[in-house]
Amino acid sequence: DHPLGVDPTTGRDLLARVLVGARISLLVAA
């Protein structure tokens, strides 16, 4: 269910956070 693991304090899915973070990084950079 969590291929890249979870946040060690809240349990939030790391894969989902990395992908959403990619949106922000690519949008700002482009």
Full PDB file with SEQRES, HELIX, SHEET, SSBOND, CRYST1, ORIGX, SCALE, CONECT and MASTER records, all heavy atoms in Angstrom:
SEQRES   1 A   30  ASP HIS PRO LEU GLY VAL ASP PRO THR THR GLY ARG ASP          
SEQRES   2 A   30  LEU LEU ALA ARG VAL LEU VAL GLY ALA ARG ILE SER LEU          
SEQRES   3 A   30  LEU VAL ALA ALA                                              
HELIX    1 AA1 LEU A   14  ALA A   29  1                                  16    
CRYST1    1.000    1.000    1.000  90.00  90.00  90.00 P 1           1          
ORIGX1      1.000000  0.000000  0.000000        0.00000                         
ORIGX2      0.000000  1.000000  0.000000        0.00000                         
ORIGX3      0.000000  0.000000  1.000000        0.00000                         
SCALE1      1.000000  0.000000  0.000000        0.00000                         
SCALE2      0.000000  1.000000  0.000000        0.00000                         
SCALE3      0.000000  0.000000  1.000000        0.00000                         
ATOM      1  N   ASP A   1       0.818  -1.223   0.000  1.00  0.00           N  
ATOM      2  CA  ASP A   1       0.000   0.000   0.000  1.00  0.00           C  
ATOM      3  C   ASP A   1       0.848   1.267   0.000  1.00  0.00           C  
ATOM      4  O   ASP A   1       0.381   2.323  -0.446  1.00  0.00           O  
ATOM      5  CB  ASP A   1      -0.922   0.014   1.230  1.00  0.00           C  
ATOM      6  CG  ASP A   1      -1.959  -1.092   1.184  1.00  0.00           C  
ATOM      7  OD1 ASP A   1      -2.372  -1.460   0.060  1.00  0.00           O  
ATOM      8  OD2 ASP A   1      -2.341  -1.599   2.263  1.00  0.00           O  
ATOM      9  N   HIS A   2       2.071   1.161   0.502  1.00  0.00           N  
ATOM     10  CA  HIS A   2       2.968   2.325   0.579  1.00  0.00           C  
ATOM     11  C   HIS A   2       4.342   1.913   0.040  1.00  0.00           C  
ATOM     12  O   HIS A   2       5.248   1.592   0.827  1.00  0.00           O  
ATOM     13  CB  HIS A   2       3.069   2.822   2.018  1.00  0.00           C  
ATOM     14  CG  HIS A   2       1.740   3.083   2.670  1.00  0.00           C  
ATOM     15  ND1 HIS A   2       0.970   4.193   2.379  1.00  0.00           N  
ATOM     16  CD2 HIS A   2       1.038   2.353   3.580  1.00  0.00           C  
ATOM     17  CE1 HIS A   2      -0.140   4.155   3.097  1.00  0.00           C  
ATOM     18  NE2 HIS A   2      -0.125   3.044   3.823  1.00  0.00           N  
ATOM     19  N   PRO A   3       4.528   1.914  -1.274  1.00  0.00           N  
ATOM     20  CA  PRO A   3       5.760   1.375  -1.888  1.00  0.00           C  
ATOM     21  C   PRO A   3       7.042   2.062  -1.440  1.00  0.00           C  
ATOM     22  O   PRO A   3       8.103   1.438  -1.425  1.00  0.00           O  
ATOM     23  CB  PRO A   3       5.521   1.563  -3.391  1.00  0.00           C  
ATOM     24  CG  PRO A   3       4.039   1.701  -3.541  1.00  0.00           C  
ATOM     25  CD  PRO A   3       3.564   2.351  -2.291  1.00  0.00           C  
ATOM     26  N   LEU A   4       6.971   3.356  -1.115  1.00  0.00           N  
ATOM     27  CA  LEU A   4       8.168   4.077  -0.675  1.00  0.00           C  
ATOM     28  C   LEU A   4       8.169   4.341   0.823  1.00  0.00           C  
ATOM     29  O   LEU A   4       9.041   5.057   1.320  1.00  0.00           O  
ATOM     30  CB  LEU A   4       8.293   5.413  -1.438  1.00  0.00           C  
ATOM     31  CG  LEU A   4       8.554   5.312  -2.942  1.00  0.00           C  
ATOM     32  CD1 LEU A   4       8.720   6.700  -3.543  1.00  0.00           C  
ATOM     33  CD2 LEU A   4       9.788   4.470  -3.235  1.00  0.00           C  
ATOM     34  N   GLY A   5       7.212   3.769   1.531  1.00  0.00           N  
ATOM     35  CA  GLY A   5       7.147   3.968   2.965  1.00  0.00           C  
ATOM     36  C   GLY A   5       6.251   5.136   3.334  1.00  0.00           C  
ATOM     37  O   GLY A   5       5.523   5.689   2.507  1.00  0.00           O  
ATOM     38  N   VAL A   6       6.320   5.517   4.617  1.00  0.00           N  
ATOM     39  CA  VAL A   6       5.462   6.579   5.133  1.00  0.00           C  
ATOM     40  C   VAL A   6       6.281   7.558   5.962  1.00  0.00           C  
ATOM     41  O   VAL A   6       7.399   7.267   6.387  1.00  0.00           O  
ATOM     42  CB  VAL A   6       4.310   5.993   5.999  1.00  0.00           C  
ATOM     43  CG1 VAL A   6       3.394   5.133   5.160  1.00  0.00           C  
ATOM     44  CG2 VAL A   6       4.872   5.207   7.185  1.00  0.00           C  
ATOM     45  N   ASP A   7       5.697   8.710   6.183  1.00  0.00           N  
ATOM     46  CA  ASP A   7       6.268   9.731   7.050  1.00  0.00           C  
ATOM     47  C   ASP A   7       6.399   9.149   8.467  1.00  0.00           C  
ATOM     48  O   ASP A   7       5.447   8.597   9.000  1.00  0.00           O  
ATOM     49  CB  ASP A   7       5.325  10.945   7.050  1.00  0.00           C  
ATOM     50  CG  ASP A   7       5.882  12.113   7.848  1.00  0.00           C  
ATOM     51  OD1 ASP A   7       6.469  11.885   8.916  1.00  0.00           O  
ATOM     52  OD2 ASP A   7       5.710  13.260   7.396  1.00  0.00           O  
ATOM     53  N   PRO A   8       7.592   9.244   9.089  1.00  0.00           N  
ATOM     54  CA  PRO A   8       7.804   8.589  10.389  1.00  0.00           C  
ATOM     55  C   PRO A   8       7.044   9.220  11.546  1.00  0.00           C  
ATOM     56  O   PRO A   8       7.031   8.643  12.639  1.00  0.00           O  
ATOM     57  CB  PRO A   8       9.319   8.709  10.599  1.00  0.00           C  
ATOM     58  CG  PRO A   8       9.725   9.869   9.775  1.00  0.00           C  
ATOM     59  CD  PRO A   8       8.831   9.861   8.587  1.00  0.00           C  
ATOM     60  N   THR A   9       6.445  10.382  11.358  1.00  0.00           N  
ATOM     61  CA  THR A   9       5.715  11.010  12.467  1.00  0.00           C  
ATOM     62  C   THR A   9       4.203  11.020  12.251  1.00  0.00           C  
ATOM     63  O   THR A   9       3.438  10.997  13.219  1.00  0.00           O  
ATOM     64  CB  THR A   9       6.193  12.455  12.677  1.00  0.00           C  
ATOM     65  OG1 THR A   9       6.029  13.192  11.450  1.00  0.00           O  
ATOM     66  CG2 THR A   9       7.653  12.479  13.089  1.00  0.00           C  
ATOM     67  N   THR A  10       3.766  11.043  10.985  1.00  0.00           N  
ATOM     68  CA  THR A  10       2.330  11.154  10.700  1.00  0.00           C  
ATOM     69  C   THR A  10       1.780   9.964   9.914  1.00  0.00           C  
ATOM     70  O   THR A  10       0.571   9.801   9.834  1.00  0.00           O  
ATOM     71  CB  THR A  10       2.036  12.435   9.911  1.00  0.00           C  
ATOM     72  OG1 THR A  10       2.713  12.385   8.646  1.00  0.00           O  
ATOM     73  CG2 THR A  10       2.496  13.667  10.683  1.00  0.00           C  
ATOM     74  N   GLY A  11       2.662   9.174   9.304  1.00  0.00           N  
ATOM     75  CA  GLY A  11       2.196   8.045   8.517  1.00  0.00           C  
ATOM     76  C   GLY A  11       1.692   8.414   7.135  1.00  0.00           C  
ATOM     77  O   GLY A  11       1.049   7.591   6.469  1.00  0.00           O  
ATOM     78  N   ARG A  12       1.968   9.634   6.666  1.00  0.00           N  
ATOM     79  CA  ARG A  12       1.532  10.034   5.327  1.00  0.00           C  
ATOM     80  C   ARG A  12       2.365   9.302   4.269  1.00  0.00           C  
ATOM     81  O   ARG A  12       3.569   9.106   4.440  1.00  0.00           O  
ATOM     82  CB  ARG A  12       1.646  11.550   5.151  1.00  0.00           C  
ATOM     83  CG  ARG A  12       0.659  12.322   6.017  1.00  0.00           C  
ATOM     84  CD  ARG A  12       0.865  13.825   5.939  1.00  0.00           C  
ATOM     85  NE  ARG A  12       2.146  14.225   6.506  1.00  0.00           N  
ATOM     86  CZ  ARG A  12       2.507  15.492   6.719  1.00  0.00           C  
ATOM     87  NH1 ARG A  12       1.666  16.471   6.423  1.00  0.00           N  
ATOM     88  NH2 ARG A  12       3.686  15.781   7.234  1.00  0.00           N  
ATOM     89  N   ASP A  13       1.725   8.947   3.167  1.00  0.00           N  
ATOM     90  CA  ASP A  13       2.368   8.154   2.122  1.00  0.00           C  
ATOM     91  C   ASP A  13       3.458   8.968   1.419  1.00  0.00           C  
ATOM     92  O   ASP A  13       3.194  10.060   0.897  1.00  0.00           O  
ATOM     93  CB  ASP A  13       1.318   7.694   1.111  1.00  0.00           C  
ATOM     94  CG  ASP A  13       1.910   6.784   0.055  1.00  0.00           C  
ATOM     95  OD1 ASP A  13       2.152   5.607   0.363  1.00  0.00           O  
ATOM     96  OD2 ASP A  13       2.140   7.256  -1.076  1.00  0.00           O  
ATOM     97  N   LEU A  14       4.679   8.436   1.376  1.00  0.00           N  
ATOM     98  CA  LEU A  14       5.796   9.173   0.787  1.00  0.00           C  
ATOM     99  C   LEU A  14       5.694   9.259  -0.730  1.00  0.00           C  
ATOM    100  O   LEU A  14       6.043  10.283  -1.317  1.00  0.00           O  
ATOM    101  CB  LEU A  14       7.124   8.506   1.175  1.00  0.00           C  
ATOM    102  CG  LEU A  14       7.645   8.756   2.588  1.00  0.00           C  
ATOM    103  CD1 LEU A  14       9.047   8.193   2.732  1.00  0.00           C  
ATOM    104  CD2 LEU A  14       7.638  10.232   2.901  1.00  0.00           C  
ATOM    105  N   LEU A  15       5.245   8.198  -1.389  1.00  0.00           N  
ATOM    106  CA  LEU A  15       5.129   8.233  -2.846  1.00  0.00           C  
ATOM    107  C   LEU A  15       4.161   9.321  -3.280  1.00  0.00           C  
ATOM    108  O   LEU A  15       4.454  10.083  -4.213  1.00  0.00           O  
ATOM    109  CB  LEU A  15       4.663   6.876  -3.369  1.00  0.00           C  
ATOM    110  CG  LEU A  15       4.440   6.784  -4.890  1.00  0.00           C  
ATOM    111  CD1 LEU A  15       5.717   7.109  -5.641  1.00  0.00           C  
ATOM    112  CD2 LEU A  15       3.925   5.399  -5.265  1.00  0.00           C  
ATOM    113  N   ALA A  16       3.027   9.421  -2.612  1.00  0.00           N  
ATOM    114  CA  ALA A  16       2.057  10.457  -2.956  1.00  0.00           C  
ATOM    115  C   ALA A  16       2.644  11.843  -2.733  1.00  0.00           C  
ATOM    116  O   ALA A  16       2.452  12.758  -3.545  1.00  0.00           O  
ATOM    117  CB  ALA A  16       0.784  10.277  -2.127  1.00  0.00           C  
ATOM    118  N   ARG A  17       3.380  12.019  -1.661  1.00  0.00           N  
ATOM    119  CA  ARG A  17       3.963  13.335  -1.353  1.00  0.00           C  
ATOM    120  C   ARG A  17       5.073  13.692  -2.346  1.00  0.00           C  
ATOM    121  O   ARG A  17       5.222  14.846  -2.731  1.00  0.00           O  
ATOM    122  CB  ARG A  17       4.485  13.353   0.083  1.00  0.00           C  
ATOM    123  CG  ARG A  17       3.359  13.248   1.110  1.00  0.00           C  
ATOM    124  CD  ARG A  17       3.878  13.264   2.536  1.00  0.00           C  
ATOM    125  NE  ARG A  17       4.543  14.521   2.879  1.00  0.00           N  
ATOM    126  CZ  ARG A  17       3.888  15.633   3.190  1.00  0.00           C  
ATOM    127  NH1 ARG A  17       2.571  15.655   3.186  1.00  0.00           N  
ATOM    128  NH2 ARG A  17       4.552  16.720   3.515  1.00  0.00           N  
ATOM    129  N   VAL A  18       5.853  12.703  -2.759  1.00  0.00           N  
ATOM    130  CA  VAL A  18       6.902  12.965  -3.748  1.00  0.00           C  
ATOM    131  C   VAL A  18       6.295  13.375  -5.092  1.00  0.00           C  
ATOM    132  O   VAL A  18       6.781  14.301  -5.755  1.00  0.00           O  
ATOM    133  CB  VAL A  18       7.804  11.727  -3.913  1.00  0.00           C  
ATOM    134  CG1 VAL A  18       8.667  11.847  -5.155  1.00  0.00           C  
ATOM    135  CG2 VAL A  18       8.696  11.556  -2.688  1.00  0.00           C  
ATOM    136  N   LEU A  19       5.222  12.708  -5.499  1.00  0.00           N  
ATOM    137  CA  LEU A  19       4.601  13.021  -6.782  1.00  0.00           C  
ATOM    138  C   LEU A  19       3.947  14.405  -6.768  1.00  0.00           C  
ATOM    139  O   LEU A  19       4.060  15.164  -7.739  1.00  0.00           O  
ATOM    140  CB  LEU A  19       3.571  11.951  -7.144  1.00  0.00           C  
ATOM    141  CG  LEU A  19       4.142  10.562  -7.451  1.00  0.00           C  
ATOM    142  CD1 LEU A  19       3.022   9.576  -7.756  1.00  0.00           C  
ATOM    143  CD2 LEU A  19       5.124  10.618  -8.612  1.00  0.00           C  
ATOM    144  N   VAL A  20       3.262  14.741  -5.685  1.00  0.00           N  
ATOM    145  CA  VAL A  20       2.671  16.077  -5.591  1.00  0.00           C  
ATOM    146  C   VAL A  20       3.770  17.131  -5.488  1.00  0.00           C  
ATOM    147  O   VAL A  20       3.665  18.214  -6.068  1.00  0.00           O  
ATOM    148  CB  VAL A  20       1.709  16.160  -4.390  1.00  0.00           C  
ATOM    149  CG1 VAL A  20       1.186  17.579  -4.218  1.00  0.00           C  
ATOM    150  CG2 VAL A  20       0.542  15.198  -4.582  1.00  0.00           C  
ATOM    151  N   GLY A  21       4.842  16.810  -4.764  1.00  0.00           N  
ATOM    152  CA  GLY A  21       5.974  17.724  -4.701  1.00  0.00           C  
ATOM    153  C   GLY A  21       6.617  17.944  -6.057  1.00  0.00           C  
ATOM    154  O   GLY A  21       7.113  19.034  -6.357  1.00  0.00           O  
ATOM    155  N   ALA A  22       6.613  16.899  -6.901  1.00  0.00           N  
ATOM    156  CA  ALA A  22       7.151  17.037  -8.254  1.00  0.00           C  
ATOM    157  C   ALA A  22       6.345  18.042  -9.052  1.00  0.00           C  
ATOM    158  O   ALA A  22       6.893  18.814  -9.847  1.00  0.00           O  
ATOM    159  CB  ALA A  22       7.149  15.676  -8.952  1.00  0.00           C  
ATOM    160  N   ARG A  23       5.027  18.037  -8.871  1.00  0.00           N  
ATOM    161  CA  ARG A  23       4.188  19.024  -9.557  1.00  0.00           C  
ATOM    162  C   ARG A  23       4.628  20.443  -9.223  1.00  0.00           C  
ATOM    163  O   ARG A  23       4.795  21.288 -10.107  1.00  0.00           O  
ATOM    164  CB  ARG A  23       2.718  18.849  -9.150  1.00  0.00           C  
ATOM    165  CG  ARG A  23       1.986  17.686  -9.788  1.00  0.00           C  
ATOM    166  CD  ARG A  23       0.531  17.707  -9.349  1.00  0.00           C  
ATOM    167  NE  ARG A  23      -0.250  16.667 -10.006  1.00  0.00           N  
ATOM    168  CZ  ARG A  23      -1.553  16.485  -9.799  1.00  0.00           C  
ATOM    169  NH1 ARG A  23      -2.183  17.277  -8.951  1.00  0.00           N  
ATOM    170  NH2 ARG A  23      -2.199  15.534 -10.435  1.00  0.00           N  
ATOM    171  N   ILE A  24       4.810  20.688  -7.932  1.00  0.00           N  
ATOM    172  CA  ILE A  24       5.171  22.038  -7.491  1.00  0.00           C  
ATOM    173  C   ILE A  24       6.556  22.421  -8.003  1.00  0.00           C  
ATOM    174  O   ILE A  24       6.765  23.519  -8.530  1.00  0.00           O  
ATOM    175  CB  ILE A  24       5.106  22.118  -5.957  1.00  0.00           C  
ATOM    176  CG1 ILE A  24       3.660  21.905  -5.488  1.00  0.00           C  
ATOM    177  CG2 ILE A  24       5.647  23.447  -5.459  1.00  0.00           C  
ATOM    178  CD1 ILE A  24       3.505  21.829  -3.988  1.00  0.00           C  
ATOM    179  N   SER A  25       7.525  21.513  -7.859  1.00  0.00           N  
ATOM    180  CA  SER A  25       8.890  21.819  -8.290  1.00  0.00           C  
ATOM    181  C   SER A  25       8.962  22.078  -9.790  1.00  0.00           C  
ATOM    182  O   SER A  25       9.596  23.043 -10.237  1.00  0.00           O  
ATOM    183  CB  SER A  25       9.827  20.669  -7.911  1.00  0.00           C  
ATOM    184  OG  SER A  25       9.977  20.576  -6.509  1.00  0.00           O  
ATOM    185  N   LEU A  26       8.328  21.214 -10.584  1.00  0.00           N  
ATOM    186  CA  LEU A  26       8.360  21.383 -12.033  1.00  0.00           C  
ATOM    187  C   LEU A  26       7.602  22.630 -12.467  1.00  0.00           C  
ATOM    188  O   LEU A  26       8.025  23.331 -13.393  1.00  0.00           O  
ATOM    189  CB  LEU A  26       7.787  20.146 -12.714  1.00  0.00           C  
ATOM    190  CG  LEU A  26       8.608  18.864 -12.567  1.00  0.00           C  
ATOM    191  CD1 LEU A  26       7.868  17.678 -13.184  1.00  0.00           C  
ATOM    192  CD2 LEU A  26       9.977  19.015 -13.223  1.00  0.00           C  
ATOM    193  N   LEU A  27       6.474  22.918 -11.810  1.00  0.00           N  
ATOM    194  CA  LEU A  27       5.710  24.118 -12.159  1.00  0.00           C  
ATOM    195  C   LEU A  27       6.513  25.375 -11.878  1.00  0.00           C  
ATOM    196  O   LEU A  27       6.621  26.264 -12.740  1.00  0.00           O  
ATOM    197  CB  LEU A  27       4.399  24.139 -11.364  1.00  0.00           C  
ATOM    198  CG  LEU A  27       3.564  25.427 -11.479  1.00  0.00           C  
ATOM    199  CD1 LEU A  27       3.114  25.646 -12.912  1.00  0.00           C  
ATOM    200  CD2 LEU A  27       2.370  25.390 -10.531  1.00  0.00           C  
ATOM    201  N   VAL A  28       7.078  25.468 -10.688  1.00  0.00           N  
ATOM    202  CA  VAL A  28       7.857  26.656 -10.324  1.00  0.00           C  
ATOM    203  C   VAL A  28       9.077  26.790 -11.234  1.00  0.00           C  
ATOM    204  O   VAL A  28       9.364  27.883 -11.755  1.00  0.00           O  
ATOM    205  CB  VAL A  28       8.281  26.592  -8.847  1.00  0.00           C  
ATOM    206  CG1 VAL A  28       9.264  27.719  -8.519  1.00  0.00           C  
ATOM    207  CG2 VAL A  28       7.065  26.682  -7.933  1.00  0.00           C  
ATOM    208  N   ALA A  29       9.803  25.691 -11.453  1.00  0.00           N  
ATOM    209  CA  ALA A  29      11.014  25.749 -12.277  1.00  0.00           C  
ATOM    210  C   ALA A  29      10.697  26.111 -13.721  1.00  0.00           C  
ATOM    211  O   ALA A  29      11.381  26.951 -14.325  1.00  0.00           O  
ATOM    212  CB  ALA A  29      11.743  24.406 -12.220  1.00  0.00           C  
ATOM    213  N   ALA A  30       9.656  25.501 -14.301  1.00  0.00           N  
ATOM    214  CA  ALA A  30       9.320  25.776 -15.695  1.00  0.00           C  
ATOM    215  C   ALA A  30       8.811  27.202 -15.878  1.00  0.00           C  
ATOM    216  O   ALA A  30       9.217  27.905 -16.814  1.00  0.00           O  
ATOM    217  CB  ALA A  30       8.277  24.775 -16.187  1.00  0.00           C  
TER     218      ALA A  30                                                      
MASTER        0    0    0    1    0    0    0    6  217    1    0    3          
END                                                                             
